[in-house]
Amino acid sequence: MTNWSEFDNHQRRALFSSHAEAYGDGRPGYPRAVFDHLQSSCNLRPGCQVLEIGPGAGQATGPLLDAGAEVLAVELGEAFASLLRTKFEGRHLEVRSGEFETIDLPSEAFDLVAAATSFHWIPPQQGLDRIARLLRPGGTIALWWNHFGDPDRLDPFRDAVQPVLQQLAPQLTDSATGGAGIGAHPYALDERARREEIDSHGSFGPIEHLMIPWTARQTTDSIRRFLCSFSSWMALETQVRTALLQAISDLIDTTFGGAVERPFLTALYTARRQ
């Protein structure tokens, strides 16, 4: 059985590119409230220059473009970069392949730097150093994450799936590897830590934090695709992943009638370059 601790951060990041289509099919987008806030408070407007860090399959890229932004996206994986170029062909999007930490980018060129469920892969102070140099004075940083759960709302599916995970892949029940094995990683909800990272850098402020609750209906098929979009699941041995997906599919079909309603949260942190 694969030991998730054997993978370093760079290997984990690289896993996504080898599963680009699965990620694109499995991950839901972001609630409209995120982009409404970016438009009202964070410089997102027609013609603005946006740098997007780690766009993946473009779940945030599309709404940024729909708002009229001109987007430069920095994507680590060439498979994702190719997917984005095809998906948004003809739009105001430039995609560059490489690591955000080292790729050549113009200084003070952007009105908004956005990272949607990606900034946790970057050493925070190194990433914030780069963002401070890339933003124009008064430009905005916006970091947000989908948290696939809600500690304040009931989630019968989460509770029912725990014994299955514990039996077939107990490493997925470790909160450090993706919460309850179903995407509920606590990183996004640690408001104090996220605020301290931004505040201690000294280049941004004041920090604004929004917690946006929403609900998603997931069928047996969409749950399977959703789970396969997480790096901890990608790292599983094929036979373990197959058995686990089948057990969870059977659970949804027999206990939940083929679909589940799940409570999700999106945590958004924004601040202006001082």
Protein backbone atom coordinates (compact mmCIF):
# COMPACT_ATOMS: atom_id res chain seq x y z
CA MET A 1 0.00 0.00 0.00
CA THR A 2 1.33 3.44 -0.93
CA ASN A 3 2.57 5.48 2.01
CA TRP A 4 1.57 9.09 1.34
CA SER A 5 4.46 10.36 3.47
CA GLU A 6 6.85 8.97 0.83
CA PHE A 7 5.82 11.75 -1.55
CA ASP A 8 7.47 15.14 -1.21
CA ASN A 9 5.64 18.36 -2.01
CA HIS A 10 7.02 18.59 -5.54
CA GLN A 11 5.95 15.02 -6.35
CA ARG A 12 2.47 15.71 -5.04
CA ARG A 13 2.15 18.78 -7.24
CA ALA A 14 3.33 16.81 -10.28
CA LEU A 15 0.67 14.14 -9.79
CA PHE A 16 -2.05 16.54 -10.92
CA SER A 17 -0.59 17.09 -14.38
CA SER A 18 -0.59 13.34 -15.07
CA HIS A 19 -4.31 13.28 -14.23
CA ALA A 20 -5.36 16.55 -15.86
CA GLU A 21 -8.57 15.26 -17.46
CA ALA A 22 -9.65 13.50 -14.26
CA TYR A 23 -9.09 16.71 -12.31
CA GLY A 24 -11.06 18.75 -14.81
CA ASP A 25 -13.94 16.28 -14.78
CA GLY A 26 -13.99 15.80 -11.01
CA ARG A 27 -13.51 19.17 -9.38
CA PRO A 28 -16.49 21.52 -9.01
CA GLY A 29 -16.07 25.22 -9.61
CA TYR A 30 -16.43 28.11 -7.16
CA PRO A 31 -19.53 29.92 -5.94
CA ARG A 32 -20.55 33.11 -7.73
CA ALA A 33 -20.04 35.05 -4.49
CA VAL A 34 -16.25 34.73 -4.87
CA PHE A 35 -16.21 36.59 -8.16
CA ASP A 36 -18.84 39.10 -7.05
CA HIS A 37 -16.49 40.04 -4.21
CA LEU A 38 -13.49 40.24 -6.55
CA GLN A 39 -15.46 42.61 -8.76
CA SER A 40 -16.72 44.81 -5.94
CA SER A 41 -13.54 44.99 -3.85
CA CYS A 42 -10.51 43.51 -5.64
CA ASN A 43 -9.94 45.26 -8.98
CA LEU A 44 -11.63 42.59 -11.11
CA ARG A 45 -13.15 44.52 -14.00
CA PRO A 46 -13.10 44.65 -17.81
CA GLY A 47 -9.55 45.13 -19.09
CA CYS A 48 -7.81 44.51 -15.77
CA GLN A 49 -4.59 42.50 -15.74
CA VAL A 50 -4.89 39.30 -13.70
CA LEU A 51 -2.18 36.80 -12.85
CA GLU A 52 -3.61 33.42 -11.93
CA ILE A 53 -1.38 30.98 -10.04
CA GLY A 54 -1.97 27.28 -10.69
CA PRO A 55 -5.21 27.43 -12.68
CA GLY A 56 -5.41 23.66 -13.13
CA ALA A 57 -8.36 22.88 -15.39
CA GLY A 58 -9.65 26.46 -15.32
CA GLN A 59 -12.43 26.33 -12.72
CA ALA A 60 -11.58 29.93 -11.75
CA THR A 61 -10.10 31.00 -15.09
CA GLY A 62 -13.46 30.97 -16.86
CA PRO A 63 -15.23 33.32 -14.44
CA LEU A 64 -12.20 35.67 -14.42
CA LEU A 65 -12.36 35.88 -18.20
CA ASP A 66 -16.14 36.27 -18.11
CA ALA A 67 -15.63 39.34 -15.92
CA GLY A 68 -13.61 40.91 -18.75
CA ALA A 69 -10.13 40.35 -17.28
CA GLU A 70 -7.02 39.72 -19.34
CA VAL A 71 -5.49 36.69 -17.63
CA LEU A 72 -1.91 35.46 -17.56
CA ALA A 73 -1.99 31.96 -16.06
CA VAL A 74 1.10 30.24 -14.68
CA GLU A 75 0.61 26.47 -14.67
CA LEU A 76 3.16 23.93 -13.49
CA GLY A 77 1.93 21.05 -15.65
CA GLU A 78 2.09 21.12 -19.44
CA ALA A 79 -0.97 18.84 -19.66
CA PHE A 80 -3.06 21.43 -17.80
CA ALA A 81 -1.52 24.26 -19.84
CA SER A 82 -2.51 22.54 -23.08
CA LEU A 83 -6.01 21.88 -21.75
CA LEU A 84 -6.42 25.55 -20.83
CA ARG A 85 -5.26 26.81 -24.22
CA THR A 86 -7.79 24.58 -25.94
CA LYS A 87 -10.63 25.24 -23.51
CA PHE A 88 -10.32 29.04 -23.68
CA GLU A 89 -9.10 29.46 -27.24
CA GLY A 90 -9.87 32.94 -28.53
CA ARG A 91 -10.22 34.45 -25.06
CA HIS A 92 -7.90 36.99 -23.40
CA LEU A 93 -5.76 34.27 -21.84
CA GLU A 94 -2.03 33.61 -22.00
CA VAL A 95 -0.78 30.39 -20.40
CA ARG A 96 2.84 29.94 -19.37
CA SER A 97 4.21 26.61 -18.17
CA GLY A 98 6.54 26.55 -15.18
CA GLU A 99 6.86 27.05 -11.46
CA PHE A 100 5.39 30.28 -10.15
CA GLU A 101 8.34 30.64 -7.78
CA THR A 102 10.91 30.88 -10.61
CA ILE A 103 9.18 31.72 -13.90
CA ASP A 104 10.00 35.09 -15.46
CA LEU A 105 7.17 37.58 -14.94
CA PRO A 106 6.94 41.38 -15.32
CA SER A 107 7.17 43.47 -12.14
CA GLU A 108 4.26 45.69 -11.04
CA ALA A 109 2.20 44.56 -14.02
CA PHE A 110 -0.95 43.15 -12.43
CA ASP A 111 -4.09 44.58 -10.84
CA LEU A 112 -5.00 41.26 -9.24
CA VAL A 113 -3.05 38.11 -8.38
CA ALA A 114 -5.40 35.18 -7.82
CA ALA A 115 -4.79 31.65 -6.57
CA ALA A 116 -7.76 29.28 -6.40
CA THR A 117 -7.05 26.15 -4.33
CA SER A 118 -3.36 26.31 -5.29
CA PHE A 119 -1.37 28.59 -2.99
CA HIS A 120 -0.83 25.85 -0.37
CA TRP A 121 1.61 24.22 -2.80
CA ILE A 122 3.93 27.25 -2.63
CA PRO A 123 6.17 28.21 0.32
CA PRO A 124 4.04 31.09 1.62
CA GLN A 125 6.69 33.75 2.24
CA GLN A 126 8.45 33.01 -1.05
CA GLY A 127 5.12 33.21 -2.83
CA LEU A 128 4.11 36.43 -1.10
CA ASP A 129 7.49 37.99 -1.95
CA ARG A 130 6.82 37.34 -5.63
CA ILE A 131 3.26 38.61 -5.47
CA ALA A 132 4.35 41.84 -3.78
CA ARG A 133 6.76 42.49 -6.66
CA LEU A 134 4.24 41.58 -9.35
CA LEU A 135 1.30 43.65 -8.14
CA ARG A 136 0.91 47.28 -9.04
CA PRO A 137 0.63 49.63 -6.04
CA GLY A 138 -2.92 49.23 -4.79
CA GLY A 139 -3.26 45.88 -6.54
CA THR A 140 -4.96 43.02 -4.75
CA ILE A 141 -4.01 39.52 -3.72
CA ALA A 142 -6.87 37.00 -3.58
CA LEU A 143 -6.32 33.50 -2.24
CA TRP A 144 -9.21 31.08 -1.92
CA TRP A 145 -9.90 27.41 -1.41
CA ASN A 146 -12.85 25.09 -1.68
CA HIS A 147 -13.28 23.06 1.49
CA PHE A 148 -15.36 20.00 0.70
CA GLY A 149 -17.17 19.80 3.99
CA ASP A 150 -18.55 22.05 6.71
CA PRO A 151 -17.92 21.37 10.41
CA ASP A 152 -21.12 23.25 11.31
CA ARG A 153 -23.48 21.30 9.04
CA LEU A 154 -24.48 17.65 8.92
CA ASP A 155 -22.82 15.51 6.25
CA PRO A 156 -24.21 11.94 6.44
CA PHE A 157 -22.05 10.81 3.50
CA ARG A 158 -18.85 11.89 5.25
CA ASP A 159 -19.86 9.96 8.34
CA ALA A 160 -20.88 6.85 6.42
CA VAL A 161 -17.70 6.68 4.36
CA GLN A 162 -15.30 6.72 7.33
CA PRO A 163 -15.48 2.96 8.08
CA VAL A 164 -14.84 2.22 4.39
CA LEU A 165 -11.74 4.41 4.34
CA GLN A 166 -10.49 2.98 7.60
CA GLN A 167 -10.80 -0.56 6.30
CA LEU A 168 -9.36 -0.13 2.79
CA ALA A 169 -7.09 2.94 2.92
CA PRO A 170 -6.57 4.13 6.51
CA GLN A 171 -3.88 6.60 5.40
CA LEU A 172 -6.65 8.70 3.85
CA THR A 173 -8.23 9.32 7.24
CA ASP A 174 -5.21 11.35 8.32
CA SER A 175 -6.21 15.04 8.26
CA ALA A 176 -2.79 15.92 6.86
CA THR A 177 -3.55 14.02 3.64
CA GLY A 178 -6.91 15.49 2.73
CA GLY A 179 -9.17 15.61 5.73
CA ALA A 180 -11.58 12.71 5.90
CA GLY A 181 -10.23 11.34 2.64
CA ILE A 182 -12.95 13.24 0.80
CA GLY A 183 -11.36 16.63 0.34
CA ALA A 184 -12.08 18.30 3.68
CA HIS A 185 -8.53 19.49 4.27
CA PRO A 186 -8.36 21.87 7.26
CA TYR A 187 -5.80 24.22 5.64
CA ALA A 188 -8.36 26.61 4.17
CA LEU A 189 -10.28 26.98 7.42
CA ASP A 190 -7.27 27.89 9.56
CA GLU A 191 -8.05 31.60 9.43
CA ARG A 192 -5.50 32.57 12.06
CA ALA A 193 -2.62 30.89 10.20
CA ARG A 194 -3.62 32.27 6.81
CA ARG A 195 -3.96 35.79 8.24
CA GLU A 196 -0.60 35.55 10.02
CA GLU A 197 1.16 34.46 6.82
CA ILE A 198 -0.12 37.46 4.89
CA ASP A 199 0.13 39.94 7.74
CA SER A 200 3.68 38.97 8.75
CA HIS A 201 4.95 39.68 5.25
CA GLY A 202 4.27 43.38 5.76
CA SER A 203 3.37 44.22 2.16
CA PHE A 204 -0.39 43.67 2.28
CA GLY A 205 -3.34 44.91 4.24
CA PRO A 206 -5.88 45.12 5.57
CA ILE A 207 -6.83 41.46 5.20
CA GLU A 208 -10.43 40.62 4.42
CA HIS A 209 -11.76 37.11 5.01
CA LEU A 210 -15.00 35.67 3.67
CA MET A 211 -16.42 32.24 4.41
CA ILE A 212 -18.96 31.28 1.77
CA PRO A 213 -21.24 28.27 2.48
CA TRP A 214 -22.79 26.34 -0.40
CA THR A 215 -24.24 22.93 -1.17
CA ALA A 216 -23.57 20.50 -4.00
CA ARG A 217 -25.42 17.45 -5.22
CA GLN A 218 -23.07 14.64 -6.24
CA THR A 219 -24.12 11.44 -7.97
CA THR A 220 -22.28 8.14 -7.69
CA ASP A 221 -20.42 8.89 -10.93
CA SER A 222 -19.50 12.45 -10.00
CA ILE A 223 -18.29 11.34 -6.55
CA ARG A 224 -15.96 8.82 -8.21
CA ARG A 225 -14.54 11.49 -10.51
CA PHE A 226 -14.35 13.97 -7.61
CA LEU A 227 -12.34 11.62 -5.39
CA CYS A 228 -9.92 10.76 -8.19
CA SER A 229 -9.06 14.47 -8.53
CA PHE A 230 -7.15 14.50 -5.19
CA SER A 231 -3.43 13.84 -5.12
CA SER A 232 -3.73 11.52 -2.11
CA TRP A 233 -6.10 9.33 -4.15
CA MET A 234 -3.90 9.55 -7.24
CA ALA A 235 -1.02 8.19 -5.16
CA LEU A 236 -2.89 5.05 -4.16
CA GLU A 237 -1.99 1.74 -5.75
CA THR A 238 -4.41 1.03 -8.58
CA GLN A 239 -5.98 -2.03 -6.96
CA VAL A 240 -6.54 -0.19 -3.69
CA ARG A 241 -8.11 2.81 -5.44
CA THR A 242 -10.34 0.54 -7.55
CA ALA A 243 -11.59 -1.39 -4.52
CA LEU A 244 -12.18 1.79 -2.56
CA LEU A 245 -14.12 3.49 -5.34
CA GLN A 246 -16.29 0.42 -5.81
CA ALA A 247 -17.06 0.22 -2.09
CA ILE A 248 -18.00 3.91 -1.96
CA SER A 249 -20.11 3.59 -5.12
CA ASP A 250 -22.00 0.69 -3.56
CA LEU A 251 -22.51 2.74 -0.40
CA ILE A 252 -23.98 5.69 -2.32
CA ASP A 253 -26.23 3.47 -4.42
CA THR A 254 -27.59 1.40 -1.54
CA THR A 255 -27.69 3.93 1.30
CA PHE A 256 -28.22 7.26 -0.46
CA GLY A 257 -30.19 6.29 -3.56
CA GLY A 258 -27.45 7.15 -6.01
CA ALA A 259 -26.76 10.76 -4.98
CA VAL A 260 -25.69 12.81 -1.96
CA GLU A 261 -26.22 16.43 -0.94
CA ARG A 262 -23.03 17.74 0.63
CA PRO A 263 -22.25 20.98 2.51
CA PHE A 264 -19.19 22.81 1.21
CA LEU A 265 -17.36 26.01 2.14
CA THR A 266 -15.17 28.41 0.20
CA ALA A 267 -12.63 30.38 2.24
CA LEU A 268 -11.48 33.64 0.60
CA TYR A 269 -8.63 35.87 1.79
CA THR A 270 -7.91 39.20 0.11
CA ALA A 271 -5.61 42.16 0.78
CA ARG A 272 -4.18 45.12 -1.11
CA ARG A 273 -0.53 45.75 -1.76
CA GLN A 274 0.34 48.63 0.53
